[in-house]
Amino acid sequence: MTKADIVNKISETTGIEKVAVQATVESFMKTIRESMMNGSNVYLRGFGSFVVKKRAEKKGRNISKNTTIVIPAHNIPSFKPAKSFVNQVKKRVK
């Protein structure tokens, strides 16, 4: 499912114009993105959590040059689904 599919589905379900739904979906994603870039987590009860995970510094290998490199510590965005959401998917998806 793509963003356009989501907009179409919401528009069909609610009767709201696609342009308004598109703006709402874009604003929703922008708000989550900005919150996470500021280091804040986003919690949507019953759906899941968008969290910023901290990765520690580690050593890696550059295989082509046969050298060891240091991968610096960094933060990455992550999504953790809610328990009820996970259970619903387990029941319905075969």
N, C-alpha and C. Protein backbone atom coordinates (compact mmCIF):
# COMPACT_ATOMS: atom_id res chain seq x y z
N MET A 1 0.85 -1.17 0.00
CA MET A 1 0.00 0.00 0.00
C MET A 1 0.89 1.24 0.00
N THR A 2 0.58 2.18 -0.86
CA THR A 2 1.35 3.41 -0.96
C THR A 2 0.61 4.56 -0.27
N LYS A 3 1.27 5.71 -0.19
CA LYS A 3 0.64 6.88 0.41
C LYS A 3 -0.62 7.27 -0.37
N ALA A 4 -0.55 7.16 -1.70
CA ALA A 4 -1.72 7.48 -2.53
C ALA A 4 -2.88 6.53 -2.23
N ASP A 5 -2.57 5.25 -2.01
CA ASP A 5 -3.61 4.27 -1.64
C ASP A 5 -4.24 4.62 -0.31
N ILE A 6 -3.43 5.05 0.64
CA ILE A 6 -3.93 5.44 1.96
C ILE A 6 -4.86 6.65 1.82
N VAL A 7 -4.45 7.64 1.03
CA VAL A 7 -5.27 8.83 0.82
C VAL A 7 -6.60 8.44 0.18
N ASN A 8 -6.55 7.59 -0.84
CA ASN A 8 -7.78 7.15 -1.51
C ASN A 8 -8.71 6.42 -0.54
N LYS A 9 -8.17 5.52 0.26
CA LYS A 9 -8.97 4.74 1.21
C LYS A 9 -9.63 5.64 2.25
N ILE A 10 -8.87 6.58 2.81
CA ILE A 10 -9.43 7.50 3.81
C ILE A 10 -10.50 8.38 3.18
N SER A 11 -10.25 8.83 1.96
CA SER A 11 -11.22 9.67 1.26
C SER A 11 -12.52 8.92 1.02
N GLU A 12 -12.42 7.67 0.59
CA GLU A 12 -13.61 6.84 0.37
C GLU A 12 -14.37 6.59 1.67
N THR A 13 -13.64 6.29 2.72
CA THR A 13 -14.25 5.94 4.00
C THR A 13 -14.94 7.13 4.66
N THR A 14 -14.29 8.29 4.62
CA THR A 14 -14.81 9.45 5.35
C THR A 14 -15.63 10.41 4.49
N GLY A 15 -15.46 10.36 3.17
CA GLY A 15 -16.16 11.29 2.30
C GLY A 15 -15.48 12.65 2.21
N ILE A 16 -14.30 12.77 2.76
CA ILE A 16 -13.53 14.01 2.70
C ILE A 16 -12.78 14.04 1.36
N GLU A 17 -12.63 15.23 0.79
CA GLU A 17 -11.94 15.37 -0.49
C GLU A 17 -10.50 14.88 -0.39
N LYS A 18 -10.02 14.30 -1.49
CA LYS A 18 -8.66 13.75 -1.52
C LYS A 18 -7.60 14.81 -1.24
N VAL A 19 -7.82 16.03 -1.68
CA VAL A 19 -6.84 17.10 -1.46
C VAL A 19 -6.69 17.37 0.04
N ALA A 20 -7.79 17.40 0.76
CA ALA A 20 -7.75 17.64 2.20
C ALA A 20 -7.10 16.47 2.92
N VAL A 21 -7.43 15.26 2.50
CA VAL A 21 -6.83 14.07 3.12
C VAL A 21 -5.33 14.04 2.84
N GLN A 22 -4.93 14.37 1.61
CA GLN A 22 -3.52 14.41 1.24
C GLN A 22 -2.77 15.39 2.14
N ALA A 23 -3.32 16.56 2.35
CA ALA A 23 -2.68 17.57 3.21
C ALA A 23 -2.58 17.08 4.64
N THR A 24 -3.61 16.39 5.11
CA THR A 24 -3.60 15.87 6.48
C THR A 24 -2.54 14.78 6.65
N VAL A 25 -2.46 13.86 5.70
CA VAL A 25 -1.47 12.78 5.77
C VAL A 25 -0.06 13.35 5.70
N GLU A 26 0.16 14.30 4.80
CA GLU A 26 1.48 14.95 4.70
C GLU A 26 1.85 15.66 6.00
N SER A 27 0.90 16.35 6.59
CA SER A 27 1.14 17.06 7.85
C SER A 27 1.44 16.09 8.98
N PHE A 28 0.71 14.97 9.02
CA PHE A 28 0.92 13.94 10.03
C PHE A 28 2.35 13.40 9.94
N MET A 29 2.78 13.06 8.72
CA MET A 29 4.12 12.50 8.53
C MET A 29 5.19 13.54 8.85
N LYS A 30 4.95 14.79 8.48
CA LYS A 30 5.91 15.86 8.76
C LYS A 30 6.06 16.07 10.26
N THR A 31 4.95 16.02 10.98
CA THR A 31 4.98 16.21 12.43
C THR A 31 5.78 15.10 13.10
N ILE A 32 5.56 13.87 12.68
CA ILE A 32 6.32 12.74 13.25
C ILE A 32 7.80 12.88 12.91
N ARG A 33 8.10 13.20 11.67
CA ARG A 33 9.49 13.35 11.22
C ARG A 33 10.20 14.44 12.03
N GLU A 34 9.57 15.60 12.18
CA GLU A 34 10.18 16.71 12.92
C GLU A 34 10.39 16.37 14.38
N SER A 35 9.40 15.69 14.97
CA SER A 35 9.51 15.30 16.37
C SER A 35 10.70 14.37 16.58
N MET A 36 10.86 13.40 15.68
CA MET A 36 11.96 12.45 15.81
C MET A 36 13.31 13.11 15.54
N MET A 37 13.35 14.06 14.60
CA MET A 37 14.60 14.77 14.33
C MET A 37 15.03 15.61 15.54
N ASN A 38 14.05 16.01 16.37
CA ASN A 38 14.36 16.75 17.59
C ASN A 38 14.67 15.82 18.76
N GLY A 39 14.65 14.52 18.52
CA GLY A 39 14.99 13.55 19.56
C GLY A 39 13.82 13.07 20.39
N SER A 40 12.60 13.47 20.01
CA SER A 40 11.42 13.05 20.77
C SER A 40 10.79 11.82 20.13
N ASN A 41 10.23 10.97 20.96
CA ASN A 41 9.52 9.79 20.48
C ASN A 41 8.04 10.14 20.29
N VAL A 42 7.36 9.39 19.42
CA VAL A 42 5.95 9.59 19.16
C VAL A 42 5.21 8.31 19.52
N TYR A 43 4.23 8.42 20.42
CA TYR A 43 3.47 7.27 20.89
C TYR A 43 2.02 7.36 20.43
N LEU A 44 1.57 6.38 19.66
CA LEU A 44 0.19 6.32 19.19
C LEU A 44 -0.45 5.08 19.82
N ARG A 45 -1.21 5.31 20.87
CA ARG A 45 -1.80 4.22 21.64
C ARG A 45 -2.65 3.31 20.74
N GLY A 46 -2.40 2.01 20.84
CA GLY A 46 -3.14 1.03 20.05
C GLY A 46 -2.55 0.79 18.67
N PHE A 47 -1.60 1.62 18.26
CA PHE A 47 -0.97 1.46 16.95
C PHE A 47 0.51 1.13 17.08
N GLY A 48 1.26 2.00 17.77
CA GLY A 48 2.68 1.74 17.96
C GLY A 48 3.43 3.00 18.33
N SER A 49 4.75 2.86 18.41
CA SER A 49 5.61 3.96 18.81
C SER A 49 6.70 4.18 17.78
N PHE A 50 6.91 5.43 17.42
CA PHE A 50 8.04 5.82 16.59
C PHE A 50 9.10 6.30 17.56
N VAL A 51 10.20 5.58 17.65
CA VAL A 51 11.23 5.90 18.64
C VAL A 51 12.57 6.13 17.95
N VAL A 52 13.40 6.94 18.61
CA VAL A 52 14.75 7.18 18.15
C VAL A 52 15.66 6.23 18.93
N LYS A 53 16.35 5.35 18.20
CA LYS A 53 17.26 4.39 18.83
C LYS A 53 18.69 4.88 18.69
N LYS A 54 19.45 4.69 19.76
CA LYS A 54 20.85 5.08 19.76
C LYS A 54 21.70 3.85 19.44
N ARG A 55 22.55 3.97 18.45
CA ARG A 55 23.47 2.89 18.10
C ARG A 55 24.85 3.26 18.61
N ALA A 56 25.50 2.33 19.28
CA ALA A 56 26.82 2.57 19.84
C ALA A 56 27.89 2.54 18.74
N GLU A 57 29.02 3.12 19.03
CA GLU A 57 30.15 3.07 18.11
C GLU A 57 30.61 1.63 17.98
N LYS A 58 31.00 1.23 16.76
CA LYS A 58 31.48 -0.14 16.58
C LYS A 58 32.52 -0.19 15.47
N LYS A 59 33.23 -1.29 15.42
CA LYS A 59 34.24 -1.49 14.38
C LYS A 59 33.63 -2.28 13.24
N GLY A 60 34.00 -1.90 12.02
CA GLY A 60 33.55 -2.60 10.83
C GLY A 60 34.72 -2.90 9.94
N ARG A 61 34.46 -3.60 8.83
CA ARG A 61 35.52 -3.97 7.90
C ARG A 61 35.21 -3.43 6.52
N ASN A 62 36.21 -2.85 5.88
CA ASN A 62 36.13 -2.50 4.48
C ASN A 62 36.78 -3.66 3.73
N ILE A 63 35.95 -4.52 3.18
CA ILE A 63 36.43 -5.76 2.58
C ILE A 63 37.32 -5.49 1.37
N SER A 64 36.96 -4.51 0.55
CA SER A 64 37.73 -4.26 -0.67
C SER A 64 39.15 -3.77 -0.37
N LYS A 65 39.32 -3.00 0.71
CA LYS A 65 40.65 -2.50 1.07
C LYS A 65 41.29 -3.30 2.19
N ASN A 66 40.53 -4.25 2.76
CA ASN A 66 41.00 -5.09 3.86
C ASN A 66 41.49 -4.25 5.04
N THR A 67 40.66 -3.27 5.43
CA THR A 67 41.01 -2.41 6.56
C THR A 67 39.86 -2.40 7.57
N THR A 68 40.20 -2.01 8.78
CA THR A 68 39.20 -1.86 9.83
C THR A 68 38.79 -0.40 9.89
N ILE A 69 37.49 -0.16 9.98
CA ILE A 69 37.00 1.21 10.10
C ILE A 69 36.15 1.32 11.36
N VAL A 70 36.02 2.53 11.85
CA VAL A 70 35.18 2.79 13.02
C VAL A 70 33.88 3.42 12.56
N ILE A 71 32.79 2.78 12.89
CA ILE A 71 31.47 3.33 12.59
C ILE A 71 31.05 4.13 13.81
N PRO A 72 30.88 5.45 13.67
CA PRO A 72 30.58 6.27 14.85
C PRO A 72 29.19 6.00 15.42
N ALA A 73 28.99 6.38 16.66
CA ALA A 73 27.68 6.26 17.29
C ALA A 73 26.71 7.16 16.54
N HIS A 74 25.47 6.68 16.41
CA HIS A 74 24.47 7.45 15.68
C HIS A 74 23.07 7.07 16.14
N ASN A 75 22.10 7.89 15.76
CA ASN A 75 20.71 7.64 16.10
C ASN A 75 19.96 7.25 14.83
N ILE A 76 19.00 6.31 14.96
CA ILE A 76 18.19 5.91 13.82
C ILE A 76 16.72 5.88 14.23
N PRO A 77 15.82 6.18 13.29
CA PRO A 77 14.39 6.06 13.60
C PRO A 77 13.96 4.60 13.57
N SER A 78 12.99 4.27 14.41
CA SER A 78 12.50 2.90 14.48
C SER A 78 11.01 2.93 14.81
N PHE A 79 10.31 1.87 14.43
CA PHE A 79 8.89 1.74 14.74
C PHE A 79 8.68 0.46 15.53
N LYS A 80 7.97 0.57 16.64
CA LYS A 80 7.63 -0.60 17.45
C LYS A 80 6.11 -0.69 17.51
N PRO A 81 5.52 -1.71 16.88
CA PRO A 81 4.05 -1.81 16.90
C PRO A 81 3.52 -2.14 18.29
N ALA A 82 2.29 -1.68 18.55
CA ALA A 82 1.63 -1.97 19.82
C ALA A 82 1.29 -3.46 19.89
N LYS A 83 1.21 -3.98 21.09
CA LYS A 83 0.94 -5.39 21.30
C LYS A 83 -0.39 -5.81 20.67
N SER A 84 -1.43 -4.99 20.81
CA SER A 84 -2.73 -5.32 20.23
C SER A 84 -2.65 -5.34 18.70
N PHE A 85 -1.86 -4.44 18.12
CA PHE A 85 -1.67 -4.39 16.67
C PHE A 85 -0.97 -5.66 16.19
N VAL A 86 0.07 -6.07 16.89
CA VAL A 86 0.81 -7.29 16.54
C VAL A 86 -0.11 -8.51 16.61
N ASN A 87 -0.91 -8.59 17.66
CA ASN A 87 -1.82 -9.74 17.80
C ASN A 87 -2.86 -9.79 16.69
N GLN A 88 -3.38 -8.63 16.27
CA GLN A 88 -4.34 -8.59 15.18
C GLN A 88 -3.73 -9.08 13.88
N VAL A 89 -2.51 -8.67 13.62
CA VAL A 89 -1.81 -9.09 12.39
C VAL A 89 -1.56 -10.60 12.44
N LYS A 90 -1.15 -11.10 13.59
CA LYS A 90 -0.89 -12.54 13.73
C LYS A 90 -2.12 -13.37 13.44
N LYS A 91 -3.27 -12.88 13.90
CA LYS A 91 -4.52 -13.61 13.70
C LYS A 91 -4.99 -13.62 12.24
N ARG A 92 -4.80 -12.49 11.55
CA ARG A 92 -5.39 -12.35 10.21
C ARG A 92 -4.47 -12.73 9.06
N VAL A 93 -3.18 -12.54 9.21
CA VAL A 93 -2.25 -12.84 8.11
C VAL A 93 -1.77 -14.28 8.26
N LYS A 94 -1.97 -15.02 7.21
CA LYS A 94 -1.55 -16.43 7.23
C LYS A 94 -0.18 -16.58 6.64
